[in-house]
Amino acid sequence: MSQRSRTPFLLAAALAAGLLSGCSFREAICGSDEYPVAAVESTTGRACVPDGEDPPVGYVRFPAGKVPKHVDDEWDRYWHEHKLNDRGQEVS
């Protein structure tokens, strides 16, 4: 079998192996040296802040245990329907 005729077979085998292994790609909310913050009284405003820094004015940290880590995870979806006040307390 020539190199050219093996290429489609190898690509198909690699694709099948990836699908069968259960691999999934989950996009992180923030980079590895950052943490997510929420805009006060907003269901959509978010930002990422470098570790060790305070949130900018108008943003608060998510409550402990309710921090979204990946796009569309449990807490990411939750905070699209709930808001935080300027003290980081849930208001709706």
N, C-alpha and C. Protein backbone atom coordinates (compact mmCIF):
# COMPACT_ATOMS: atom_id res chain seq x y z
N MET A 1 0.85 -1.17 0.00
CA MET A 1 0.00 0.00 0.00
C MET A 1 0.90 1.24 0.00
N SER A 2 0.64 2.15 -0.89
CA SER A 2 1.47 3.35 -0.98
C SER A 2 1.11 4.34 0.13
N GLN A 3 2.01 5.29 0.36
CA GLN A 3 1.78 6.32 1.38
C GLN A 3 0.50 7.08 1.07
N ARG A 4 0.27 7.39 -0.17
CA ARG A 4 -0.90 8.16 -0.57
C ARG A 4 -2.20 7.40 -0.30
N SER A 5 -2.22 6.12 -0.51
CA SER A 5 -3.45 5.35 -0.31
C SER A 5 -3.69 5.03 1.17
N ARG A 6 -2.64 5.11 2.00
CA ARG A 6 -2.81 4.85 3.43
C ARG A 6 -3.33 6.06 4.19
N THR A 7 -3.13 7.26 3.68
CA THR A 7 -3.48 8.48 4.40
C THR A 7 -4.96 8.54 4.78
N PRO A 8 -5.91 8.34 3.86
CA PRO A 8 -7.32 8.40 4.26
C PRO A 8 -7.66 7.35 5.32
N PHE A 9 -7.08 6.17 5.21
CA PHE A 9 -7.33 5.11 6.18
C PHE A 9 -6.83 5.53 7.57
N LEU A 10 -5.62 6.09 7.62
CA LEU A 10 -5.06 6.51 8.89
C LEU A 10 -5.86 7.65 9.51
N LEU A 11 -6.32 8.58 8.69
CA LEU A 11 -7.13 9.68 9.21
C LEU A 11 -8.46 9.16 9.77
N ALA A 12 -9.09 8.24 9.06
CA ALA A 12 -10.35 7.66 9.52
C ALA A 12 -10.14 6.89 10.82
N ALA A 13 -9.05 6.14 10.93
CA ALA A 13 -8.76 5.39 12.13
C ALA A 13 -8.52 6.32 13.31
N ALA A 14 -7.80 7.40 13.09
CA ALA A 14 -7.54 8.36 14.17
C ALA A 14 -8.83 9.03 14.62
N LEU A 15 -9.69 9.39 13.70
CA LEU A 15 -10.97 10.00 14.04
C LEU A 15 -11.84 9.03 14.84
N ALA A 16 -11.91 7.80 14.39
CA ALA A 16 -12.70 6.79 15.10
C ALA A 16 -12.16 6.56 16.51
N ALA A 17 -10.87 6.51 16.66
CA ALA A 17 -10.27 6.30 17.98
C ALA A 17 -10.61 7.46 18.91
N GLY A 18 -10.56 8.67 18.40
CA GLY A 18 -10.90 9.84 19.21
C GLY A 18 -12.35 9.83 19.65
N LEU A 19 -13.24 9.46 18.74
CA LEU A 19 -14.66 9.41 19.07
C LEU A 19 -14.97 8.30 20.06
N LEU A 20 -14.34 7.16 19.88
CA LEU A 20 -14.60 6.02 20.75
C LEU A 20 -13.99 6.17 22.13
N SER A 21 -12.96 6.97 22.26
CA SER A 21 -12.30 7.13 23.55
C SER A 21 -13.07 8.06 24.49
N GLY A 22 -14.10 8.71 23.97
CA GLY A 22 -14.89 9.60 24.81
C GLY A 22 -14.24 10.93 25.07
N CYS A 23 -13.26 11.30 24.28
CA CYS A 23 -12.61 12.58 24.46
C CYS A 23 -13.60 13.71 24.21
N SER A 24 -13.51 14.73 25.02
CA SER A 24 -14.34 15.90 24.78
C SER A 24 -13.51 17.13 25.10
N PHE A 25 -13.82 18.19 24.42
CA PHE A 25 -13.13 19.45 24.62
C PHE A 25 -14.04 20.36 25.41
N ARG A 26 -13.59 20.83 26.55
CA ARG A 26 -14.37 21.76 27.37
C ARG A 26 -13.60 23.06 27.47
N GLU A 27 -14.20 24.11 26.98
CA GLU A 27 -13.55 25.42 26.98
C GLU A 27 -13.61 26.04 28.38
N ALA A 28 -12.46 26.41 28.89
CA ALA A 28 -12.39 27.03 30.21
C ALA A 28 -12.97 28.44 30.18
N ILE A 29 -13.60 28.84 31.27
CA ILE A 29 -14.14 30.19 31.39
C ILE A 29 -12.98 31.19 31.38
N CYS A 30 -11.93 30.91 32.14
CA CYS A 30 -10.77 31.80 32.24
C CYS A 30 -9.48 30.99 32.05
N GLY A 31 -8.39 31.70 31.87
CA GLY A 31 -7.09 31.06 31.75
C GLY A 31 -6.64 30.46 33.08
N SER A 32 -5.55 29.74 33.04
CA SER A 32 -5.08 29.01 34.22
C SER A 32 -4.62 29.92 35.36
N ASP A 33 -4.24 31.15 35.07
CA ASP A 33 -3.78 32.07 36.12
C ASP A 33 -4.81 33.16 36.39
N GLU A 34 -6.08 32.86 36.11
CA GLU A 34 -7.15 33.83 36.28
C GLU A 34 -8.35 33.19 36.98
N TYR A 35 -9.25 34.04 37.47
CA TYR A 35 -10.52 33.55 38.02
C TYR A 35 -11.65 34.41 37.46
N PRO A 36 -12.86 33.82 37.33
CA PRO A 36 -13.98 34.58 36.76
C PRO A 36 -14.66 35.46 37.80
N VAL A 37 -15.15 36.60 37.36
CA VAL A 37 -15.95 37.50 38.19
C VAL A 37 -17.21 37.86 37.43
N ALA A 38 -18.24 38.28 38.18
CA ALA A 38 -19.53 38.64 37.58
C ALA A 38 -19.76 40.13 37.72
N ALA A 39 -20.39 40.70 36.70
CA ALA A 39 -20.79 42.10 36.78
C ALA A 39 -21.97 42.19 37.76
N VAL A 40 -21.97 43.21 38.58
CA VAL A 40 -23.02 43.42 39.57
C VAL A 40 -24.36 43.60 38.87
N GLU A 41 -25.39 42.91 39.39
CA GLU A 41 -26.77 43.01 38.89
C GLU A 41 -26.90 42.66 37.40
N SER A 42 -26.12 41.72 36.94
CA SER A 42 -26.14 41.32 35.52
C SER A 42 -26.13 39.81 35.40
N THR A 43 -26.83 39.30 34.38
CA THR A 43 -26.77 37.87 34.11
C THR A 43 -25.80 37.55 32.99
N THR A 44 -25.26 38.57 32.35
CA THR A 44 -24.36 38.33 31.22
C THR A 44 -22.96 38.91 31.38
N GLY A 45 -22.78 39.93 32.22
CA GLY A 45 -21.48 40.57 32.34
C GLY A 45 -20.50 39.72 33.14
N ARG A 46 -19.39 39.41 32.51
CA ARG A 46 -18.34 38.62 33.16
C ARG A 46 -16.97 39.12 32.73
N ALA A 47 -15.99 38.77 33.53
CA ALA A 47 -14.61 39.10 33.18
C ALA A 47 -13.71 38.08 33.86
N CYS A 48 -12.46 38.05 33.46
CA CYS A 48 -11.45 37.21 34.09
C CYS A 48 -10.42 38.13 34.71
N VAL A 49 -10.05 37.82 35.94
CA VAL A 49 -9.13 38.65 36.71
C VAL A 49 -7.90 37.81 37.06
N PRO A 50 -6.70 38.39 36.93
CA PRO A 50 -5.50 37.63 37.31
C PRO A 50 -5.54 37.21 38.78
N ASP A 51 -5.10 35.99 39.05
CA ASP A 51 -5.03 35.51 40.44
C ASP A 51 -4.25 36.52 41.27
N GLY A 52 -4.72 36.74 42.49
CA GLY A 52 -4.04 37.67 43.40
C GLY A 52 -4.52 39.10 43.30
N GLU A 53 -5.35 39.41 42.29
CA GLU A 53 -5.88 40.76 42.14
C GLU A 53 -7.35 40.78 42.53
N ASP A 54 -7.82 41.94 43.00
CA ASP A 54 -9.23 42.11 43.32
C ASP A 54 -10.03 42.34 42.04
N PRO A 55 -11.33 42.04 42.08
CA PRO A 55 -12.17 42.33 40.91
C PRO A 55 -12.21 43.83 40.64
N PRO A 56 -12.37 44.23 39.39
CA PRO A 56 -12.48 45.66 39.08
C PRO A 56 -13.80 46.22 39.63
N VAL A 57 -13.91 47.52 39.70
CA VAL A 57 -15.13 48.17 40.16
C VAL A 57 -16.30 47.71 39.29
N GLY A 58 -17.40 47.38 39.94
CA GLY A 58 -18.58 46.92 39.22
C GLY A 58 -18.65 45.42 39.04
N TYR A 59 -17.65 44.69 39.54
CA TYR A 59 -17.61 43.23 39.45
C TYR A 59 -17.39 42.64 40.84
N VAL A 60 -17.88 41.42 41.04
CA VAL A 60 -17.70 40.71 42.30
C VAL A 60 -17.31 39.26 42.01
N ARG A 61 -16.71 38.64 43.01
CA ARG A 61 -16.39 37.21 42.90
C ARG A 61 -17.68 36.39 42.97
N PHE A 62 -17.66 35.24 42.33
CA PHE A 62 -18.77 34.31 42.47
C PHE A 62 -18.69 33.70 43.87
N PRO A 63 -19.84 33.34 44.45
CA PRO A 63 -19.82 32.70 45.77
C PRO A 63 -19.03 31.39 45.74
N ALA A 64 -18.35 31.08 46.83
CA ALA A 64 -17.59 29.83 46.93
C ALA A 64 -18.50 28.64 46.63
N GLY A 65 -18.00 27.73 45.83
CA GLY A 65 -18.75 26.54 45.48
C GLY A 65 -19.70 26.73 44.31
N LYS A 66 -19.84 27.97 43.83
CA LYS A 66 -20.74 28.27 42.71
C LYS A 66 -20.00 28.98 41.58
N VAL A 67 -18.73 28.67 41.45
CA VAL A 67 -17.88 29.33 40.45
C VAL A 67 -17.90 28.54 39.14
N PRO A 68 -18.28 29.19 38.03
CA PRO A 68 -18.23 28.49 36.74
C PRO A 68 -16.78 28.24 36.34
N LYS A 69 -16.50 27.04 35.87
CA LYS A 69 -15.13 26.69 35.46
C LYS A 69 -15.02 26.48 33.95
N HIS A 70 -16.08 25.92 33.35
CA HIS A 70 -16.09 25.65 31.91
C HIS A 70 -17.36 26.20 31.28
N VAL A 71 -17.26 26.59 30.03
CA VAL A 71 -18.41 27.09 29.29
C VAL A 71 -19.50 26.02 29.31
N ASP A 72 -20.70 26.43 29.67
CA ASP A 72 -21.89 25.59 29.70
C ASP A 72 -21.88 24.54 30.81
N ASP A 73 -21.03 24.70 31.83
CA ASP A 73 -21.12 23.78 32.97
C ASP A 73 -22.30 24.20 33.85
N GLU A 74 -22.53 23.46 34.93
CA GLU A 74 -23.69 23.71 35.80
C GLU A 74 -23.75 25.16 36.27
N TRP A 75 -22.64 25.71 36.75
CA TRP A 75 -22.65 27.06 37.29
C TRP A 75 -22.64 28.12 36.21
N ASP A 76 -22.09 27.86 35.07
CA ASP A 76 -22.17 28.80 33.95
C ASP A 76 -23.63 28.99 33.56
N ARG A 77 -24.36 27.90 33.43
CA ARG A 77 -25.78 27.98 33.08
C ARG A 77 -26.58 28.65 34.21
N TYR A 78 -26.26 28.31 35.45
CA TYR A 78 -26.96 28.87 36.60
C TYR A 78 -26.88 30.40 36.63
N TRP A 79 -25.68 30.93 36.41
CA TRP A 79 -25.49 32.38 36.52
C TRP A 79 -26.04 33.15 35.33
N HIS A 80 -26.51 32.46 34.31
CA HIS A 80 -27.20 33.15 33.21
C HIS A 80 -28.63 33.50 33.62
N GLU A 81 -29.09 32.98 34.77
CA GLU A 81 -30.44 33.25 35.25
C GLU A 81 -30.48 33.88 36.64
N HIS A 82 -29.33 34.09 37.26
CA HIS A 82 -29.25 34.65 38.61
C HIS A 82 -28.25 35.79 38.63
N LYS A 83 -28.47 36.73 39.55
CA LYS A 83 -27.61 37.91 39.66
C LYS A 83 -26.97 38.00 41.04
N LEU A 84 -25.89 38.78 41.10
CA LEU A 84 -25.20 39.07 42.36
C LEU A 84 -25.24 40.56 42.62
N ASN A 85 -25.38 40.94 43.90
CA ASN A 85 -25.33 42.37 44.23
C ASN A 85 -23.88 42.80 44.43
N ASP A 86 -23.69 44.05 44.86
CA ASP A 86 -22.33 44.59 45.00
C ASP A 86 -21.55 43.99 46.17
N ARG A 87 -22.22 43.15 46.99
CA ARG A 87 -21.53 42.44 48.07
C ARG A 87 -21.31 40.96 47.73
N GLY A 88 -21.65 40.59 46.49
CA GLY A 88 -21.47 39.20 46.07
C GLY A 88 -22.56 38.27 46.54
N GLN A 89 -23.69 38.84 46.97
CA GLN A 89 -24.80 38.02 47.42
C GLN A 89 -25.82 37.85 46.29
N GLU A 90 -26.38 36.66 46.20
CA GLU A 90 -27.35 36.37 45.15
C GLU A 90 -28.63 37.16 45.40
N VAL A 91 -29.13 37.81 44.35
CA VAL A 91 -30.35 38.61 44.48
C VAL A 91 -31.49 38.09 43.61
N SER A 92 -31.24 37.21 42.69
CA SER A 92 -32.32 36.62 41.90
C SER A 92 -31.85 35.38 41.19
